[in-house]
């Protein structure tokens, strides 16, 4: 049955393999908690909406349920809760990222963190990055089938390119090779490997902040904005589909609005 459901999601809805796997796992998880029938499912969604789970988790669970009932010819729809507008609460300063780079023990570690910090690549995109995707002459990276299966072009600094060249001198690669692999060079570099590396560097640096790979993407955005980058430049570098997503960084930063306020506020006293 699940194989047929997967076929329905893939062919009937045009969803990616990752999304299909997520919906199947959600249905399996829900089926262990209640019957996949209308009344039990309505009670399940009611409790889900009252829970403290994230908006994304709730939306994904409900979407999987709706797809399942459509697949079984029992159309069922649920209203969506209002989507919260969070702020980016904590990012790394430029000094903190420099500390991480100083704690790298070899060129491989340094290259991984440098590319992640300067490019704003998502962890999965870094994992899939191949040497042929990088134009070292113009400091460009072609992102092939990133989030939403979208291609794009982003930029890195000359300092980042220099680090990549030093890394390639020590770890030669072919154009078709993934830029990064495991330490032994024999296996694919996975997202769990990246999380472990970041965690190790944080421990070496003696930092108490909670640091994870995606935080370096947030940190690039906030650093660019603090340096005066316009919102469209940041949107282009992060490859956001909607400007509202990029605007979250503006709302999260007190630095720029404060500077503008101090420039234009009246002088009463």
C-alpha atoms as a PDB file:
ATOM      1  CA  UNK A   1       0.000   0.000   0.000  1.00  0.00           C
ATOM      2  CA  UNK A   2       2.787   2.411   0.882  1.00  0.00           C
ATOM      3  CA  UNK A   3       4.457   1.771  -2.454  1.00  0.00           C
ATOM      4  CA  UNK A   4       1.247   2.752  -4.231  1.00  0.00           C
ATOM      5  CA  UNK A   5       0.978   5.839  -2.020  1.00  0.00           C
ATOM      6  CA  UNK A   6       4.548   6.764  -2.922  1.00  0.00           C
ATOM      7  CA  UNK A   7       3.680   6.392  -6.609  1.00  0.00           C
ATOM      8  CA  UNK A   8       0.631   8.634  -6.118  1.00  0.00           C
ATOM      9  CA  UNK A   9       2.737  11.335  -4.449  1.00  0.00           C
ATOM     10  CA  UNK A  10       5.501  11.128  -7.032  1.00  0.00           C
ATOM     11  CA  UNK A  11       3.456  10.856 -10.227  1.00  0.00           C
ATOM     12  CA  UNK A  12       0.126  12.342  -9.182  1.00  0.00           C
ATOM     13  CA  UNK A  13       1.482  15.248  -7.141  1.00  0.00           C
ATOM     14  CA  UNK A  14       4.947  15.687  -8.634  1.00  0.00           C
ATOM     15  CA  UNK A  15       6.684  15.705  -5.252  1.00  0.00           C
ATOM     16  CA  UNK A  16      10.412  15.144  -4.804  1.00  0.00           C
ATOM     17  CA  UNK A  17      11.780  11.921  -3.322  1.00  0.00           C
ATOM     18  CA  UNK A  18      12.659  13.656  -0.052  1.00  0.00           C
ATOM     19  CA  UNK A  19       9.123  15.020   0.332  1.00  0.00           C
ATOM     20  CA  UNK A  20       7.594  11.664  -0.589  1.00  0.00           C
ATOM     21  CA  UNK A  21       9.690   9.888   2.046  1.00  0.00           C
ATOM     22  CA  UNK A  22       8.684  12.494   4.629  1.00  0.00           C
ATOM     23  CA  UNK A  23       4.962  12.039   3.964  1.00  0.00           C
ATOM     24  CA  UNK A  24       5.209   8.242   4.067  1.00  0.00           C
ATOM     25  CA  UNK A  25       7.039   8.337   7.402  1.00  0.00           C
ATOM     26  CA  UNK A  26       4.431  10.775   8.738  1.00  0.00           C
ATOM     27  CA  UNK A  27       1.574   8.438   7.781  1.00  0.00           C
ATOM     28  CA  UNK A  28       3.381   5.464   9.339  1.00  0.00           C
ATOM     29  CA  UNK A  29       3.903   7.461  12.530  1.00  0.00           C
ATOM     30  CA  UNK A  30       0.276   8.613  12.651  1.00  0.00           C
ATOM     31  CA  UNK A  31      -1.025   5.098  11.952  1.00  0.00           C
ATOM     32  CA  UNK A  32       0.757   3.867  15.082  1.00  0.00           C
ATOM     33  CA  UNK A  33      -1.108   6.452  17.162  1.00  0.00           C
ATOM     34  CA  UNK A  34      -4.632   6.243  15.720  1.00  0.00           C
ATOM     35  CA  UNK A  35      -6.732   4.687  12.988  1.00  0.00           C
ATOM     36  CA  UNK A  36      -6.582   6.308   9.582  1.00  0.00           C
ATOM     37  CA  UNK A  37     -10.291   7.061   9.641  1.00  0.00           C
ATOM     38  CA  UNK A  38     -12.099  10.403   9.620  1.00  0.00           C
ATOM     39  CA  UNK A  39     -13.137  10.762  13.273  1.00  0.00           C
ATOM     40  CA  UNK A  40      -9.864   9.511  14.862  1.00  0.00           C
ATOM     41  CA  UNK A  41      -7.864  11.658  12.440  1.00  0.00           C
ATOM     42  CA  UNK A  42      -9.907  14.775  13.258  1.00  0.00           C
ATOM     43  CA  UNK A  43      -9.194  14.182  16.950  1.00  0.00           C
ATOM     44  CA  UNK A  44      -5.523  13.684  16.131  1.00  0.00           C
ATOM     45  CA  UNK A  45      -5.330  16.976  14.227  1.00  0.00           C
ATOM     46  CA  UNK A  46      -7.195  18.764  17.038  1.00  0.00           C
ATOM     47  CA  UNK A  47      -4.591  17.597  19.574  1.00  0.00           C
ATOM     48  CA  UNK A  48      -1.787  18.345  17.120  1.00  0.00           C
ATOM     49  CA  UNK A  49      -2.949  21.950  16.700  1.00  0.00           C
ATOM     50  CA  UNK A  50      -3.108  22.371  20.489  1.00  0.00           C
ATOM     51  CA  UNK A  51       0.413  21.002  20.952  1.00  0.00           C
ATOM     52  CA  UNK A  52       3.691  22.909  21.141  1.00  0.00           C
ATOM     53  CA  UNK A  53       5.093  21.404  17.944  1.00  0.00           C
ATOM     54  CA  UNK A  54       6.457  23.851  15.380  1.00  0.00           C
ATOM     55  CA  UNK A  55       4.226  25.278  12.675  1.00  0.00           C
ATOM     56  CA  UNK A  56       6.223  23.413  10.024  1.00  0.00           C
ATOM     57  CA  UNK A  57       5.760  20.051  11.774  1.00  0.00           C
ATOM     58  CA  UNK A  58       2.013  20.613  12.111  1.00  0.00           C
ATOM     59  CA  UNK A  59       1.631  21.728   8.479  1.00  0.00           C
ATOM     60  CA  UNK A  60       3.630  18.747   7.174  1.00  0.00           C
ATOM     61  CA  UNK A  61       1.630  16.259   9.264  1.00  0.00           C
ATOM     62  CA  UNK A  62      -1.696  17.682   8.075  1.00  0.00           C
ATOM     63  CA  UNK A  63      -0.538  17.790   4.445  1.00  0.00           C
ATOM     64  CA  UNK A  64       0.456  14.113   4.637  1.00  0.00           C
ATOM     65  CA  UNK A  65      -2.977  13.265   6.084  1.00  0.00           C
ATOM     66  CA  UNK A  66      -4.769  15.162   3.314  1.00  0.00           C
ATOM     67  CA  UNK A  67      -2.711  13.408   0.642  1.00  0.00           C
ATOM     68  CA  UNK A  68      -3.438  10.025   2.238  1.00  0.00           C
ATOM     69  CA  UNK A  69      -7.198  10.585   2.292  1.00  0.00           C
ATOM     70  CA  UNK A  70      -7.120  11.856  -1.282  1.00  0.00           C
ATOM     71  CA  UNK A  71      -5.182   8.725  -2.245  1.00  0.00           C
ATOM     72  CA  UNK A  72      -7.841   6.528  -0.591  1.00  0.00           C
ATOM     73  CA  UNK A  73     -10.669   8.468  -2.319  1.00  0.00           C
ATOM     74  CA  UNK A  74     -11.882  10.108   0.883  1.00  0.00           C
ATOM     75  CA  UNK A  75     -11.067  13.806   0.310  1.00  0.00           C
ATOM     76  CA  UNK A  76     -10.485  15.575   3.611  1.00  0.00           C
ATOM     77  CA  UNK A  77      -9.296  19.129   4.184  1.00  0.00           C
ATOM     78  CA  UNK A  78      -8.157  20.984   7.286  1.00  0.00           C
ATOM     79  CA  UNK A  79      -7.696  24.706   7.799  1.00  0.00           C
ATOM     80  CA  UNK A  80      -4.158  25.875   8.499  1.00  0.00           C
ATOM     81  CA  UNK A  81      -3.218  27.711  11.646  1.00  0.00           C
ATOM     82  CA  UNK A  82      -1.787  31.195  11.280  1.00  0.00           C
ATOM     83  CA  UNK A  83       1.890  30.988  10.419  1.00  0.00           C
ATOM     84  CA  UNK A  84       4.077  32.661  13.040  1.00  0.00           C
ATOM     85  CA  UNK A  85       6.669  35.232  12.017  1.00  0.00           C
ATOM     86  CA  UNK A  86       9.767  34.282  13.979  1.00  0.00           C
ATOM     87  CA  UNK A  87      12.941  36.293  14.277  1.00  0.00           C
ATOM     88  CA  UNK A  88      16.461  34.971  13.933  1.00  0.00           C
ATOM     89  CA  UNK A  89      17.346  35.042  17.611  1.00  0.00           C
ATOM     90  CA  UNK A  90      21.022  34.175  17.557  1.00  0.00           C
ATOM     91  CA  UNK A  91      23.751  34.274  14.937  1.00  0.00           C
ATOM     92  CA  UNK A  92      27.538  34.153  14.963  1.00  0.00           C
ATOM     93  CA  UNK A  93      29.566  37.341  14.809  1.00  0.00           C
ATOM     94  CA  UNK A  94      32.445  37.636  12.354  1.00  0.00           C
ATOM     95  CA  UNK A  95      34.856  37.238  15.289  1.00  0.00           C
ATOM     96  CA  UNK A  96      33.164  33.998  16.367  1.00  0.00           C
ATOM     97  CA  UNK A  97      33.390  32.508  12.891  1.00  0.00           C
ATOM     98  CA  UNK A  98      37.071  33.512  12.807  1.00  0.00           C
ATOM     99  CA  UNK A  99      37.520  31.603  16.090  1.00  0.00           C
ATOM    100  CA  UNK A 100      36.011  28.502  14.484  1.00  0.00           C
ATOM    101  CA  UNK A 101      38.385  28.794  11.530  1.00  0.00           C
ATOM    102  CA  UNK A 102      41.408  29.160  13.826  1.00  0.00           C
ATOM    103  CA  UNK A 103      40.371  25.930  15.574  1.00  0.00           C
ATOM    104  CA  UNK A 104      40.495  23.894  12.350  1.00  0.00           C
ATOM    105  CA  UNK A 105      43.293  21.339  12.489  1.00  0.00           C
ATOM    106  CA  UNK A 106      43.768  20.831   8.740  1.00  0.00           C
ATOM    107  CA  UNK A 107      42.956  22.343   5.364  1.00  0.00           C
ATOM    108  CA  UNK A 108      39.964  20.053   4.888  1.00  0.00           C
ATOM    109  CA  UNK A 109      38.213  21.312   8.013  1.00  0.00           C
ATOM    110  CA  UNK A 110      39.103  24.908   7.178  1.00  0.00           C
ATOM    111  CA  UNK A 111      37.810  24.599   3.608  1.00  0.00           C
ATOM    112  CA  UNK A 112      34.482  23.117   4.716  1.00  0.00           C
ATOM    113  CA  UNK A 113      33.797  25.877   7.236  1.00  0.00           C
ATOM    114  CA  UNK A 114      35.095  28.609   4.944  1.00  0.00           C
ATOM    115  CA  UNK A 115      32.829  27.590   2.040  1.00  0.00           C
ATOM    116  CA  UNK A 116      29.849  27.203   4.366  1.00  0.00           C
ATOM    117  CA  UNK A 117      30.447  30.610   6.006  1.00  0.00           C
ATOM    118  CA  UNK A 118      31.160  32.641   2.850  1.00  0.00           C
ATOM    119  CA  UNK A 119      28.613  31.068   0.499  1.00  0.00           C
ATOM    120  CA  UNK A 120      25.516  30.650   2.661  1.00  0.00           C
ATOM    121  CA  UNK A 121      24.974  27.173   1.225  1.00  0.00           C
ATOM    122  CA  UNK A 122      22.494  24.940   2.987  1.00  0.00           C
ATOM    123  CA  UNK A 123      24.092  21.807   4.527  1.00  0.00           C
ATOM    124  CA  UNK A 124      22.554  19.518   1.900  1.00  0.00           C
ATOM    125  CA  UNK A 125      23.768  21.806  -0.890  1.00  0.00           C
ATOM    126  CA  UNK A 126      27.298  21.754   0.528  1.00  0.00           C
ATOM    127  CA  UNK A 127      27.170  17.963   0.637  1.00  0.00           C
ATOM    128  CA  UNK A 128      26.152  17.804  -3.054  1.00  0.00           C
ATOM    129  CA  UNK A 129      28.699  20.406  -4.207  1.00  0.00           C
ATOM    130  CA  UNK A 130      31.090  19.141  -6.888  1.00  0.00           C
ATOM    131  CA  UNK A 131      34.374  20.678  -7.948  1.00  0.00           C
ATOM    132  CA  UNK A 132      32.955  21.336 -11.415  1.00  0.00           C
ATOM    133  CA  UNK A 133      30.258  23.521  -9.849  1.00  0.00           C
ATOM    134  CA  UNK A 134      32.844  26.086  -8.715  1.00  0.00           C
ATOM    135  CA  UNK A 135      34.283  28.746 -10.998  1.00  0.00           C
ATOM    136  CA  UNK A 136      37.480  29.629  -9.176  1.00  0.00           C
ATOM    137  CA  UNK A 137      38.340  32.327 -11.703  1.00  0.00           C
ATOM    138  CA  UNK A 138      35.222  34.414 -11.036  1.00  0.00           C
ATOM    139  CA  UNK A 139      34.537  33.338  -7.422  1.00  0.00           C
ATOM    140  CA  UNK A 140      31.191  31.760  -8.315  1.00  0.00           C
ATOM    141  CA  UNK A 141      29.372  28.620  -7.245  1.00  0.00           C
ATOM    142  CA  UNK A 142      26.625  27.035  -9.309  1.00  0.00           C
ATOM    143  CA  UNK A 143      24.065  25.419  -7.027  1.00  0.00           C
ATOM    144  CA  UNK A 144      22.526  22.473  -8.861  1.00  0.00           C
ATOM    145  CA  UNK A 145      19.058  21.399  -7.714  1.00  0.00           C
ATOM    146  CA  UNK A 146      19.116  23.172  -4.390  1.00  0.00           C
ATOM    147  CA  UNK A 147      16.037  23.586  -2.217  1.00  0.00           C
ATOM    148  CA  UNK A 148      12.923  23.213  -4.345  1.00  0.00           C
ATOM    149  CA  UNK A 149      15.077  21.600  -7.066  1.00  0.00           C
ATOM    150  CA  UNK A 150      16.169  25.071  -8.172  1.00  0.00           C
ATOM    151  CA  UNK A 151      19.516  25.912  -9.739  1.00  0.00           C
ATOM    152  CA  UNK A 152      21.260  29.174  -8.961  1.00  0.00           C
ATOM    153  CA  UNK A 153      24.531  31.097  -8.935  1.00  0.00           C
ATOM    154  CA  UNK A 154      26.037  32.524  -5.754  1.00  0.00           C
ATOM    155  CA  UNK A 155      29.329  34.177  -4.930  1.00  0.00           C
ATOM    156  CA  UNK A 156      32.257  33.635  -2.601  1.00  0.00           C
ATOM    157  CA  UNK A 157      35.097  35.921  -1.587  1.00  0.00           C
ATOM    158  CA  UNK A 158      38.631  35.740  -2.991  1.00  0.00           C
ATOM    159  CA  UNK A 159      39.766  34.626   0.497  1.00  0.00           C
ATOM    160  CA  UNK A 160      37.366  31.677   0.258  1.00  0.00           C
ATOM    161  CA  UNK A 161      38.661  30.806  -3.229  1.00  0.00           C
ATOM    162  CA  UNK A 162      42.238  30.900  -1.935  1.00  0.00           C
ATOM    163  CA  UNK A 163      41.332  28.444   0.838  1.00  0.00           C
ATOM    164  CA  UNK A 164      39.681  26.116  -1.695  1.00  0.00           C
ATOM    165  CA  UNK A 165      42.817  26.182  -3.880  1.00  0.00           C
ATOM    166  CA  UNK A 166      45.001  25.346  -0.873  1.00  0.00           C
ATOM    167  CA  UNK A 167      42.645  22.502   0.001  1.00  0.00           C
ATOM    168  CA  UNK A 168      42.706  21.139  -3.572  1.00  0.00           C
ATOM    169  CA  UNK A 169      46.514  21.205  -3.576  1.00  0.00           C
ATOM    170  CA  UNK A 170      46.472  18.905  -0.542  1.00  0.00           C
ATOM    171  CA  UNK A 171      43.417  16.870  -1.592  1.00  0.00           C
ATOM    172  CA  UNK A 172      43.317  16.684  -5.434  1.00  0.00           C
ATOM    173  CA  UNK A 173      39.865  16.229  -6.980  1.00  0.00           C
ATOM    174  CA  UNK A 174      38.392  15.607 -10.410  1.00  0.00           C
ATOM    175  CA  UNK A 175      35.789  17.955 -11.866  1.00  0.00           C
ATOM    176  CA  UNK A 176      33.116  15.286 -11.353  1.00  0.00           C
ATOM    177  CA  UNK A 177      34.105  14.584  -7.720  1.00  0.00           C
ATOM    178  CA  UNK A 178      32.266  15.924  -4.733  1.00  0.00           C
ATOM    179  CA  UNK A 179      34.282  18.787  -3.276  1.00  0.00           C
ATOM    180  CA  UNK A 180      34.185  17.242   0.190  1.00  0.00           C
ATOM    181  CA  UNK A 181      34.247  13.632   1.340  1.00  0.00           C
ATOM    182  CA  UNK A 182      34.985  11.810   4.591  1.00  0.00           C
ATOM    183  CA  UNK A 183      38.460  11.984   6.124  1.00  0.00           C
ATOM    184  CA  UNK A 184      39.558   8.774   4.367  1.00  0.00           C
ATOM    185  CA  UNK A 185      38.315  10.209   1.060  1.00  0.00           C
ATOM    186  CA  UNK A 186      36.367   7.041   0.295  1.00  0.00           C
ATOM    187  CA  UNK A 187      32.863   7.895   1.419  1.00  0.00           C
ATOM    188  CA  UNK A 188      30.297  10.588   0.745  1.00  0.00           C
ATOM    189  CA  UNK A 189      30.342  13.551   3.114  1.00  0.00           C
ATOM    190  CA  UNK A 190      26.957  13.493   4.852  1.00  0.00           C
ATOM    191  CA  UNK A 191      25.085  16.144   6.787  1.00  0.00           C
ATOM    192  CA  UNK A 192      25.688  14.241  10.028  1.00  0.00           C
ATOM    193  CA  UNK A 193      29.451  14.508   9.339  1.00  0.00           C
ATOM    194  CA  UNK A 194      29.071  18.271   8.985  1.00  0.00           C
ATOM    195  CA  UNK A 195      27.136  18.554  12.241  1.00  0.00           C
ATOM    196  CA  UNK A 196      29.832  16.560  14.058  1.00  0.00           C
ATOM    197  CA  UNK A 197      32.586  18.767  12.612  1.00  0.00           C
ATOM    198  CA  UNK A 198      30.853  21.994  13.661  1.00  0.00           C
ATOM    199  CA  UNK A 199      30.207  20.586  17.128  1.00  0.00           C
ATOM    200  CA  UNK A 200      33.883  19.611  17.457  1.00  0.00           C
ATOM    201  CA  UNK A 201      35.089  23.073  16.400  1.00  0.00           C
ATOM    202  CA  UNK A 202      32.726  24.760  18.858  1.00  0.00           C
ATOM    203  CA  UNK A 203      34.135  22.597  21.640  1.00  0.00           C
ATOM    204  CA  UNK A 204      37.723  23.411  20.628  1.00  0.00           C
ATOM    205  CA  UNK A 205      36.886  27.119  20.561  1.00  0.00           C
ATOM    206  CA  UNK A 206      35.367  26.965  24.037  1.00  0.00           C
ATOM    207  CA  UNK A 207      32.143  28.581  22.806  1.00  0.00           C
ATOM    208  CA  UNK A 208      28.946  28.182  24.811  1.00  0.00           C
ATOM    209  CA  UNK A 209      26.537  29.145  22.022  1.00  0.00           C
ATOM    210  CA  UNK A 210      24.463  26.475  20.342  1.00  0.00           C
ATOM    211  CA  UNK A 211      26.056  26.305  16.892  1.00  0.00           C
ATOM    212  CA  UNK A 212      24.850  24.188  13.989  1.00  0.00           C
ATOM    213  CA  UNK A 213      25.705  24.252  10.255  1.00  0.00           C
ATOM    214  CA  UNK A 214      22.624  26.223   9.181  1.00  0.00           C
ATOM    215  CA  UNK A 215      23.549  28.966  11.650  1.00  0.00           C
ATOM    216  CA  UNK A 216      26.452  29.962   9.392  1.00  0.00           C
ATOM    217  CA  UNK A 217      23.920  30.709   6.632  1.00  0.00           C
ATOM    218  CA  UNK A 218      21.967  32.946   9.012  1.00  0.00           C
ATOM    219  CA  UNK A 219      25.218  34.564  10.116  1.00  0.00           C
ATOM    220  CA  UNK A 220      26.235  35.421   6.546  1.00  0.00           C
ATOM    221  CA  UNK A 221      22.906  37.179   5.997  1.00  0.00           C
ATOM    222  CA  UNK A 222      23.120  39.229   9.191  1.00  0.00           C
ATOM    223  CA  UNK A 223      26.774  40.142   8.561  1.00  0.00           C
ATOM    224  CA  UNK A 224      25.995  41.335   5.021  1.00  0.00           C
ATOM    225  CA  UNK A 225      23.070  43.435   6.251  1.00  0.00           C
ATOM    226  CA  UNK A 226      25.142  44.937   9.069  1.00  0.00           C
ATOM    227  CA  UNK A 227      27.783  45.864   6.482  1.00  0.00           C
ATOM    228  CA  UNK A 228      25.177  47.744   4.452  1.00  0.00           C
ATOM    229  CA  UNK A 229      24.032  45.177   1.851  1.00  0.00           C
ATOM    230  CA  UNK A 230      20.616  45.861   0.340  1.00  0.00           C
ATOM    231  CA  UNK A 231      17.887  43.298   0.853  1.00  0.00           C
ATOM    232  CA  UNK A 232      17.838  42.188  -2.817  1.00  0.00           C
ATOM    233  CA  UNK A 233      21.554  41.342  -2.693  1.00  0.00           C
ATOM    234  CA  UNK A 234      21.021  39.196   0.397  1.00  0.00           C
ATOM    235  CA  UNK A 235      17.954  37.550  -1.185  1.00  0.00           C
ATOM    236  CA  UNK A 236      19.979  36.688  -4.284  1.00  0.00           C
ATOM    237  CA  UNK A 237      22.874  35.218  -2.288  1.00  0.00           C
ATOM    238  CA  UNK A 238      20.584  33.083  -0.120  1.00  0.00           C
ATOM    239  CA  UNK A 239      18.381  32.219  -3.136  1.00  0.00           C
ATOM    240  CA  UNK A 240      15.120  32.875  -1.328  1.00  0.00           C
ATOM    241  CA  UNK A 241      11.977  32.505  -3.432  1.00  0.00           C
ATOM    242  CA  UNK A 242      10.177  35.268  -1.556  1.00  0.00           C
ATOM    243  CA  UNK A 243      11.445  38.620  -0.317  1.00  0.00           C
ATOM    244  CA  UNK A 244       9.426  38.125   2.906  1.00  0.00           C
ATOM    245  CA  UNK A 245      11.787  35.317   3.893  1.00  0.00           C
ATOM    246  CA  UNK A 246      14.791  37.624   3.569  1.00  0.00           C
ATOM    247  CA  UNK A 247      12.959  40.381   5.438  1.00  0.00           C
ATOM    248  CA  UNK A 248      13.015  38.184   8.561  1.00  0.00           C
ATOM    249  CA  UNK A 249      16.683  39.114   8.925  1.00  0.00           C
ATOM    250  CA  UNK A 250      15.847  42.810   8.828  1.00  0.00           C
ATOM    251  CA  UNK A 251      13.172  42.356  11.504  1.00  0.00           C
ATOM    252  CA  UNK A 252      15.622  40.343  13.611  1.00  0.00           C
ATOM    253  CA  UNK A 253      18.356  42.954  13.604  1.00  0.00           C
ATOM    254  CA  UNK A 254      18.176  45.971  15.845  1.00  0.00           C
ATOM    255  CA  UNK A 255      21.436  47.418  14.508  1.00  0.00           C
ATOM    256  CA  UNK A 256      20.277  48.880  11.173  1.00  0.00           C
ATOM    257  CA  UNK A 257      16.905  50.255  12.313  1.00  0.00           C
ATOM    258  CA  UNK A 258      18.579  51.762  15.373  1.00  0.00           C
ATOM    259  CA  UNK A 259      21.189  53.548  13.230  1.00  0.00           C
ATOM    260  CA  UNK A 260      18.505  54.910  10.929  1.00  0.00           C
ATOM    261  CA  UNK A 261      16.397  56.049  13.873  1.00  0.00           C
ATOM    262  CA  UNK A 262      19.332  57.887  15.421  1.00  0.00           C
ATOM    263  CA  UNK A 263      20.002  59.611  12.055  1.00  0.00           C
ATOM    264  CA  UNK A 264      16.465  60.886  11.576  1.00  0.00           C
ATOM    265  CA  UNK A 265      14.931  61.221  15.033  1.00  0.00           C
ATOM    266  CA  UNK A 266      14.061  64.826  16.046  1.00  0.00           C
ATOM    267  CA  UNK A 267      16.112  66.765  18.573  1.00  0.00           C
ATOM    268  CA  UNK A 268      13.716  67.861  21.294  1.00  0.00           C
ATOM    269  CA  UNK A 269      16.297  68.515  23.978  1.00  0.00           C
END
